[in-house]
């Protein structure tokens, strides 16, 4: 029983971290796309 506790903890940690990492990736993607569109707008205005 004592051997499986760290494994289950790691599994729970993985399930907790994966959505968080996905959320961070989505936020970064949105920010980078907004910056890209702003850069394109500046490029087309010039």
PDB file of N, CA and C in Angstrom:
ATOM      1  N   UNK A   1       0.831  -1.202   0.000  1.00  0.00           N
ATOM      2  CA  UNK A   1       0.000   0.000   0.000  1.00  0.00           C
ATOM      3  C   UNK A   1       0.874   1.264   0.000  1.00  0.00           C
ATOM      4  N   UNK A   2       1.963   1.182   0.740  1.00  0.00           N
ATOM      5  CA  UNK A   2       2.834   2.349   0.837  1.00  0.00           C
ATOM      6  C   UNK A   2       3.558   2.639  -0.473  1.00  0.00           C
ATOM      7  N   UNK A   3       3.745   1.590  -1.290  1.00  0.00           N
ATOM      8  CA  UNK A   3       4.474   1.756  -2.546  1.00  0.00           C
ATOM      9  C   UNK A   3       3.606   2.471  -3.592  1.00  0.00           C
ATOM     10  N   UNK A   4       2.287   2.243  -3.537  1.00  0.00           N
ATOM     11  CA  UNK A   4       1.401   2.794  -4.562  1.00  0.00           C
ATOM     12  C   UNK A   4       0.979   4.229  -4.262  1.00  0.00           C
ATOM     13  N   UNK A   5       1.246   4.711  -3.052  1.00  0.00           N
ATOM     14  CA  UNK A   5       0.804   6.056  -2.690  1.00  0.00           C
ATOM     15  C   UNK A   5       1.497   7.148  -3.508  1.00  0.00           C
ATOM     16  N   UNK A   6       2.831   7.111  -3.672  1.00  0.00           N
ATOM     17  CA  UNK A   6       3.468   8.143  -4.499  1.00  0.00           C
ATOM     18  C   UNK A   6       3.000   8.097  -5.953  1.00  0.00           C
ATOM     19  N   UNK A   7       2.744   6.879  -6.445  1.00  0.00           N
ATOM     20  CA  UNK A   7       2.294   6.740  -7.826  1.00  0.00           C
ATOM     21  C   UNK A   7       0.927   7.384  -8.017  1.00  0.00           C
ATOM     22  N   UNK A   8       0.004   7.094  -7.098  1.00  0.00           N
ATOM     23  CA  UNK A   8      -1.327   7.695  -7.193  1.00  0.00           C
ATOM     24  C   UNK A   8      -1.237   9.209  -7.015  1.00  0.00           C
ATOM     25  N   UNK A   9      -0.325   9.658  -6.164  1.00  0.00           N
ATOM     26  CA  UNK A   9      -0.127  11.095  -5.978  1.00  0.00           C
ATOM     27  C   UNK A   9       0.363  11.741  -7.273  1.00  0.00           C
ATOM     28  N   UNK A  10       1.292  11.070  -7.942  1.00  0.00           N
ATOM     29  CA  UNK A  10       1.806  11.592  -9.211  1.00  0.00           C
ATOM     30  C   UNK A  10       0.708  11.622 -10.274  1.00  0.00           C
ATOM     31  N   UNK A  11      -0.154  10.596 -10.264  1.00  0.00           N
ATOM     32  CA  UNK A  11      -1.260  10.559 -11.227  1.00  0.00           C
ATOM     33  C   UNK A  11      -2.228  11.709 -10.966  1.00  0.00           C
ATOM     34  N   UNK A  12      -2.557  11.925  -9.694  1.00  0.00           N
ATOM     35  CA  UNK A  12      -3.444  13.037  -9.338  1.00  0.00           C
ATOM     36  C   UNK A  12      -2.794  14.370  -9.692  1.00  0.00           C
ATOM     37  N   UNK A  13      -1.493  14.463  -9.445  1.00  0.00           N
ATOM     38  CA  UNK A  13      -0.768  15.688  -9.777  1.00  0.00           C
ATOM     39  C   UNK A  13      -0.794  15.926 -11.291  1.00  0.00           C
ATOM     40  N   UNK A  14      -0.624  14.840 -12.055  1.00  0.00           N
ATOM     41  CA  UNK A  14      -0.675  14.954 -13.510  1.00  0.00           C
ATOM     42  C   UNK A  14      -2.035  15.422 -14.003  1.00  0.00           C
ATOM     43  N   UNK A  15      -3.093  14.866 -13.400  1.00  0.00           N
ATOM     44  CA  UNK A  15      -4.443  15.269 -13.789  1.00  0.00           C
ATOM     45  C   UNK A  15      -4.728  16.713 -13.394  1.00  0.00           C
ATOM     46  N   UNK A  16      -4.064  17.194 -12.339  1.00  0.00           N
ATOM     47  CA  UNK A  16      -4.265  18.578 -11.908  1.00  0.00           C
ATOM     48  C   UNK A  16      -3.452  19.540 -12.767  1.00  0.00           C
ATOM     49  N   UNK A  17      -2.240  19.111 -13.174  1.00  0.00           N
ATOM     50  CA  UNK A  17      -1.336  19.996 -13.907  1.00  0.00           C
ATOM     51  C   UNK A  17      -1.690  20.084 -15.386  1.00  0.00           C
ATOM     52  N   UNK A  18      -2.200  18.984 -15.963  1.00  0.00           N
ATOM     53  CA  UNK A  18      -2.461  18.960 -17.398  1.00  0.00           C
ATOM     54  C   UNK A  18      -3.472  20.024 -17.844  1.00  0.00           C
ATOM     55  N   UNK A  19      -4.643  20.172 -17.160  1.00  0.00           N
ATOM     56  CA  UNK A  19      -5.563  21.240 -17.578  1.00  0.00           C
ATOM     57  C   UNK A  19      -4.962  22.622 -17.372  1.00  0.00           C
ATOM     58  N   UNK A  20      -4.156  22.763 -16.313  1.00  0.00           N
ATOM     59  CA  UNK A  20      -3.516  24.054 -16.051  1.00  0.00           C
ATOM     60  C   UNK A  20      -2.534  24.396 -17.166  1.00  0.00           C
ATOM     61  N   UNK A  21      -1.739  23.415 -17.584  1.00  0.00           N
ATOM     62  CA  UNK A  21      -0.792  23.630 -18.678  1.00  0.00           C
ATOM     63  C   UNK A  21      -1.541  23.933 -19.984  1.00  0.00           C
ATOM     64  N   UNK A  22      -2.671  23.242 -20.205  1.00  0.00           N
ATOM     65  CA  UNK A  22      -3.470  23.484 -21.403  1.00  0.00           C
ATOM     66  C   UNK A  22      -4.037  24.906 -21.386  1.00  0.00           C
ATOM     67  N   UNK A  23      -4.491  25.353 -20.193  1.00  0.00           N
ATOM     68  CA  UNK A  23      -5.037  26.700 -20.051  1.00  0.00           C
ATOM     69  C   UNK A  23      -3.959  27.746 -20.308  1.00  0.00           C
ATOM     70  N   UNK A  24      -2.758  27.506 -19.757  1.00  0.00           N
ATOM     71  CA  UNK A  24      -1.646  28.441 -19.966  1.00  0.00           C
ATOM     72  C   UNK A  24      -1.258  28.499 -21.443  1.00  0.00           C
ATOM     73  N   UNK A  25      -1.258  27.339 -22.105  1.00  0.00           N
ATOM     74  CA  UNK A  25      -0.920  27.306 -23.529  1.00  0.00           C
ATOM     75  C   UNK A  25      -1.961  28.066 -24.348  1.00  0.00           C
ATOM     76  N   UNK A  26      -3.235  27.920 -23.978  1.00  0.00           N
ATOM     77  CA  UNK A  26      -4.305  28.631 -24.683  1.00  0.00           C
ATOM     78  C   UNK A  26      -4.180  30.136 -24.471  1.00  0.00           C
ATOM     79  N   UNK A  27      -3.864  30.547 -23.246  1.00  0.00           N
ATOM     80  CA  UNK A  27      -3.695  31.973 -22.958  1.00  0.00           C
ATOM     81  C   UNK A  27      -2.499  32.536 -23.725  1.00  0.00           C
ATOM     82  N   UNK A  28      -1.395  31.801 -23.732  1.00  0.00           N
ATOM     83  CA  UNK A  28      -0.218  32.252 -24.466  1.00  0.00           C
ATOM     84  C   UNK A  28      -0.515  32.353 -25.956  1.00  0.00           C
ATOM     85  N   UNK A  29      -1.269  31.374 -26.479  1.00  0.00           N
ATOM     86  CA  UNK A  29      -1.633  31.380 -27.890  1.00  0.00           C
ATOM     87  C   UNK A  29      -2.475  32.614 -28.218  1.00  0.00           C
ATOM     88  N   UNK A  30      -3.433  32.939 -27.337  1.00  0.00           N
ATOM     89  CA  UNK A  30      -4.294  34.103 -27.563  1.00  0.00           C
ATOM     90  C   UNK A  30      -3.472  35.388 -27.519  1.00  0.00           C
ATOM     91  N   UNK A  31      -2.563  35.487 -26.549  1.00  0.00           N
ATOM     92  CA  UNK A  31      -1.739  36.697 -26.422  1.00  0.00           C
ATOM     93  C   UNK A  31      -0.817  36.852 -27.629  1.00  0.00           C
ATOM     94  N   UNK A  32      -0.206  35.742 -28.059  1.00  0.00           N
ATOM     95  CA  UNK A  32       0.702  35.804 -29.204  1.00  0.00           C
ATOM     96  C   UNK A  32      -0.054  36.159 -30.483  1.00  0.00           C
ATOM     97  N   UNK A  33      -1.261  35.621 -30.635  1.00  0.00           N
ATOM     98  CA  UNK A  33      -2.048  35.961 -31.833  1.00  0.00           C
ATOM     99  C   UNK A  33      -2.449  37.425 -31.822  1.00  0.00           C
ATOM    100  N   UNK A  34      -2.806  37.952 -30.632  1.00  0.00           N
ATOM    101  CA  UNK A  34      -3.179  39.369 -30.535  1.00  0.00           C
ATOM    102  C   UNK A  34      -1.980  40.247 -30.882  1.00  0.00           C
ATOM    103  N   UNK A  35      -0.796  39.875 -30.371  1.00  0.00           N
ATOM    104  CA  UNK A  35       0.421  40.633 -30.676  1.00  0.00           C
ATOM    105  C   UNK A  35       0.742  40.554 -32.165  1.00  0.00           C
ATOM    106  N   UNK A  36       0.510  39.367 -32.752  1.00  0.00           N
ATOM    107  CA  UNK A  36       0.769  39.194 -34.179  1.00  0.00           C
ATOM    108  C   UNK A  36      -0.165  40.070 -35.016  1.00  0.00           C
ATOM    109  N   UNK A  37      -1.462  40.114 -34.629  1.00  0.00           N
ATOM    110  CA  UNK A  37      -2.409  40.949 -35.356  1.00  0.00           C
ATOM    111  C   UNK A  37      -2.070  42.429 -35.199  1.00  0.00           C
ATOM    112  N   UNK A  38      -1.611  42.826 -34.001  1.00  0.00           N
ATOM    113  CA  UNK A  38      -1.218  44.226 -33.793  1.00  0.00           C
ATOM    114  C   UNK A  38      -0.007  44.567 -34.657  1.00  0.00           C
ATOM    115  N   UNK A  39       0.938  43.628 -34.734  1.00  0.00           N
ATOM    116  CA  UNK A  39       2.119  43.849 -35.568  1.00  0.00           C
ATOM    117  C   UNK A  39       1.722  43.945 -37.044  1.00  0.00           C
ATOM    118  N   UNK A  40       0.779  43.102 -37.472  1.00  0.00           N
ATOM    119  CA  UNK A  40       0.313  43.156 -38.856  1.00  0.00           C
ATOM    120  C   UNK A  40      -0.415  44.466 -39.134  1.00  0.00           C
ATOM    121  N   UNK A  41      -1.200  44.943 -38.157  1.00  0.00           N
ATOM    122  CA  UNK A  41      -1.892  46.218 -38.330  1.00  0.00           C
ATOM    123  C   UNK A  41      -0.901  47.368 -38.466  1.00  0.00           C
ATOM    124  N   UNK A  42       0.144  47.343 -37.635  1.00  0.00           N
ATOM    125  CA  UNK A  42       1.160  48.391 -37.728  1.00  0.00           C
ATOM    126  C   UNK A  42       1.873  48.318 -39.080  1.00  0.00           C
ATOM    127  N   UNK A  43       2.137  47.100 -39.544  1.00  0.00           N
ATOM    128  CA  UNK A  43       2.841  46.921 -40.808  1.00  0.00           C
ATOM    129  C   UNK A  43       1.987  47.418 -41.975  1.00  0.00           C
ATOM    130  N   UNK A  44       0.680  47.163 -41.915  1.00  0.00           N
ATOM    131  CA  UNK A  44      -0.189  47.585 -43.015  1.00  0.00           C
ATOM    132  C   UNK A  44      -0.455  49.086 -42.952  1.00  0.00           C
ATOM    133  N   UNK A  45      -0.446  49.678 -41.746  1.00  0.00           N
ATOM    134  CA  UNK A  45      -0.635  51.120 -41.624  1.00  0.00           C
ATOM    135  C   UNK A  45       0.575  51.871 -42.169  1.00  0.00           C
ATOM    136  N   UNK A  46       1.757  51.318 -41.950  1.00  0.00           N
ATOM    137  CA  UNK A  46       2.971  51.949 -42.495  1.00  0.00           C
ATOM    138  C   UNK A  46       3.060  51.657 -43.985  1.00  0.00           C
TER     139      UNK A  46
END
